Structure formats: C-alpha cells, structure tokens
C-alpha atoms as a PDB file:
ATOM      1  CA  MET A   1      -1.331  44.118  59.105  1.00  0.00           C
ATOM      2  CA  PHE A   2      -4.686  44.773  57.441  1.00  0.00           C
ATOM      3  CA  CYS A   3      -6.561  47.972  56.614  1.00  0.00           C
ATOM      4  CA  SER A   4      -9.428  49.142  54.431  1.00  0.00           C
ATOM      5  CA  THR A   5      -9.978  52.254  52.324  1.00  0.00           C
ATOM      6  CA  LEU A   6     -12.918  54.128  50.863  1.00  0.00           C
ATOM      7  CA  ILE A   7     -12.120  56.832  48.298  1.00  0.00           C
ATOM      8  CA  THR A   8     -14.528  59.580  47.251  1.00  0.00           C
ATOM      9  CA  GLY A   9     -13.615  62.641  45.222  1.00  0.00           C
ATOM     10  CA  THR A  10     -14.135  64.748  42.116  1.00  0.00           C
ATOM     11  CA  LEU A  11     -11.593  65.126  39.329  1.00  0.00           C
ATOM     12  CA  LYS A  12     -11.104  68.840  38.680  1.00  0.00           C
ATOM     13  CA  ALA A  13     -10.223  68.445  34.990  1.00  0.00           C
ATOM     14  CA  THR A  14     -13.398  66.532  34.075  1.00  0.00           C
ATOM     15  CA  ASN A  15     -15.650  67.386  37.051  1.00  0.00           C
ATOM     16  CA  LYS A  16     -16.547  63.680  37.313  1.00  0.00           C
ATOM     17  CA  LYS A  17     -17.149  62.136  40.717  1.00  0.00           C
ATOM     18  CA  VAL A  18     -15.379  58.933  41.785  1.00  0.00           C
ATOM     19  CA  GLU A  19     -16.880  56.826  44.578  1.00  0.00           C
ATOM     20  CA  SER A  20     -14.870  53.668  45.137  1.00  0.00           C
ATOM     21  CA  PRO A  21     -16.186  50.609  46.951  1.00  0.00           C
ATOM     22  CA  PRO A  22     -14.455  49.614  50.192  1.00  0.00           C
ATOM     23  CA  GLN A  23     -11.104  48.017  49.410  1.00  0.00           C
ATOM     24  CA  SER A  24      -8.854  45.954  51.630  1.00  0.00           C
ATOM     25  CA  CYS A  25      -5.105  46.313  51.964  1.00  0.00           C
ATOM     26  CA  SER A  26      -2.543  44.061  53.615  1.00  0.00           C
ATOM     27  CA  MET A  27       1.159  44.161  54.393  1.00  0.00           C
ATOM     28  CA  CYS A  28       3.577  41.407  55.386  1.00  0.00           C
ATOM     29  CA  PHE A  29       6.781  42.135  57.289  1.00  0.00           C
ATOM     30  CA  ASN A  30       9.958  40.113  57.796  1.00  0.00           C
ATOM     31  CA  ASP A  31      11.885  39.729  61.089  1.00  0.00           C
ATOM     32  CA  ARG A  32      13.791  42.992  60.462  1.00  0.00           C
ATOM     33  CA  GLY A  33      10.535  44.970  60.195  1.00  0.00           C
ATOM     34  CA  GLU A  34      10.785  45.448  56.432  1.00  0.00           C
ATOM     35  CA  CYS A  35       7.646  45.261  54.312  1.00  0.00           C
ATOM     36  CA  THR A  36       8.019  42.270  51.984  1.00  0.00           C
ATOM     37  CA  GLN A  37       4.528  42.153  50.490  1.00  0.00           C
ATOM     38  CA  LEU A  38       1.892  44.816  49.794  1.00  0.00           C
ATOM     39  CA  THR A  39      -1.595  44.028  48.554  1.00  0.00           C
ATOM     40  CA  VAL A  40      -3.978  46.871  47.653  1.00  0.00           C
ATOM     41  CA  GLY A  41      -7.183  47.387  45.711  1.00  0.00           C
ATOM     42  CA  TYR A  42      -9.040  44.168  46.607  1.00  0.00           C
ATOM     43  CA  VAL A  43     -12.721  45.148  46.526  1.00  0.00           C
ATOM     44  CA  MET A  44     -14.795  43.927  49.485  1.00  0.00           C
ATOM     45  CA  ASP A  45     -18.280  44.986  48.250  1.00  0.00           C
ATOM     46  CA  LYS A  46     -18.663  45.352  44.475  1.00  0.00           C
ATOM     47  CA  GLN A  47     -22.221  46.711  44.844  1.00  0.00           C
ATOM     48  CA  LEU A  48     -21.054  50.078  46.231  1.00  0.00           C
ATOM     49  CA  GLY A  49     -19.592  53.043  44.361  1.00  0.00           C
ATOM     50  CA  ASN A  50     -19.548  53.958  40.674  1.00  0.00           C
ATOM     51  CA  THR A  51     -16.442  52.028  39.635  1.00  0.00           C
ATOM     52  CA  GLY A  52     -18.214  48.991  38.201  1.00  0.00           C
ATOM     53  CA  GLY A  53     -16.913  46.808  41.029  1.00  0.00           C
ATOM     54  CA  LEU A  54     -13.295  47.496  40.083  1.00  0.00           C
ATOM     55  CA  GLY A  55     -10.606  48.536  42.533  1.00  0.00           C
ATOM     56  CA  GLY A  56      -7.446  50.593  42.391  1.00  0.00           C
ATOM     57  CA  VAL A  57      -6.651  52.639  39.316  1.00  0.00           C
ATOM     58  CA  TYR A  58      -8.979  50.479  37.181  1.00  0.00           C
ATOM     59  CA  GLY A  59     -11.944  51.639  39.259  1.00  0.00           C
ATOM     60  CA  ILE A  60     -10.969  55.281  38.883  1.00  0.00           C
ATOM     61  CA  LEU A  61     -10.610  54.929  35.108  1.00  0.00           C
ATOM     62  CA  TYR A  62     -13.986  53.174  34.913  1.00  0.00           C
ATOM     63  CA  ALA A  63     -15.688  55.936  36.921  1.00  0.00           C
ATOM     64  CA  ILE A  64     -14.393  58.694  34.616  1.00  0.00           C
ATOM     65  CA  GLY A  65     -15.592  56.954  31.454  1.00  0.00           C
ATOM     66  CA  TYR A  66     -12.884  54.541  30.296  1.00  0.00           C
ATOM     67  CA  GLY A  67     -14.820  51.409  31.315  1.00  0.00           C
ATOM     68  CA  LYS A  68     -15.362  49.857  27.882  1.00  0.00           C
ATOM     69  CA  PHE A  69     -11.673  50.152  27.059  1.00  0.00           C
ATOM     70  CA  LEU A  70     -10.711  48.492  30.368  1.00  0.00           C
ATOM     71  CA  PHE A  71     -12.955  45.479  29.855  1.00  0.00           C
ATOM     72  CA  ILE A  72     -11.602  44.936  26.336  1.00  0.00           C
ATOM     73  CA  PHE A  73      -8.031  45.272  27.645  1.00  0.00           C
ATOM     74  CA  VAL A  74      -8.576  42.844  30.554  1.00  0.00           C
ATOM     75  CA  TRP A  75     -10.390  40.383  28.267  1.00  0.00           C
ATOM     76  CA  ALA A  76      -7.478  40.479  25.801  1.00  0.00           C
ATOM     77  CA  ILE A  77      -4.973  39.773  28.580  1.00  0.00           C
ATOM     78  CA  ARG A  78      -7.027  36.839  29.860  1.00  0.00           C
ATOM     79  CA  MET A  79      -7.424  35.355  26.390  1.00  0.00           C
ATOM     80  CA  THR A  80      -3.689  35.688  25.741  1.00  0.00           C
ATOM     81  CA  SER A  81      -2.827  33.965  29.004  1.00  0.00           C
ATOM     82  CA  CYS A  82      -5.101  31.027  28.114  1.00  0.00           C
ATOM     83  CA  PHE A  83      -2.889  30.140  25.181  1.00  0.00           C
ATOM     84  CA  PHE A  84       0.461  30.266  26.991  1.00  0.00           C
END
C-alpha cells in the first residue's frame, strides 16, 4: 500500500510556519494482515516547501531554524560510518 502526505502548519510556540514537500509512505503486510514494514518521510520533490528538501522530523526541525545543527549531525554520522 502506498500513500503520500503534504504537511503545512504553524508552530504556536515559535509562530514559525512549516511547509513540507510531498512525501511518500509505504506499508507491507504479511499473510495474516499484519503490517511488517513501514516507510515514511521519503521526499518526492525537494524543490517544494521550506524544509531544505528534508522529510519527516528532520524537515520540521530545519524549517524552525535547527538546519545547521542537523547538517553537522548527519555529516558526523556519515563520516563515522565510513570508518566502520
């Protein structure tokens, strides 16, 4: 099963607007009808919104002003995984 989402809203505490790009979601089910896999936050068009092309909670944090911290954090994780 596939779906897509588009989130727009304003955070009351900071009064900052969040406009996410369209994101795709997917779910896989087994023979008993149980969800075995859930994929969310995959951005379909990085040009839209004010989240810097990021999806999920990373996009929300970027839109409210934590973007520089996120890129440093993601870069550090990638560099660490290169060595192991």
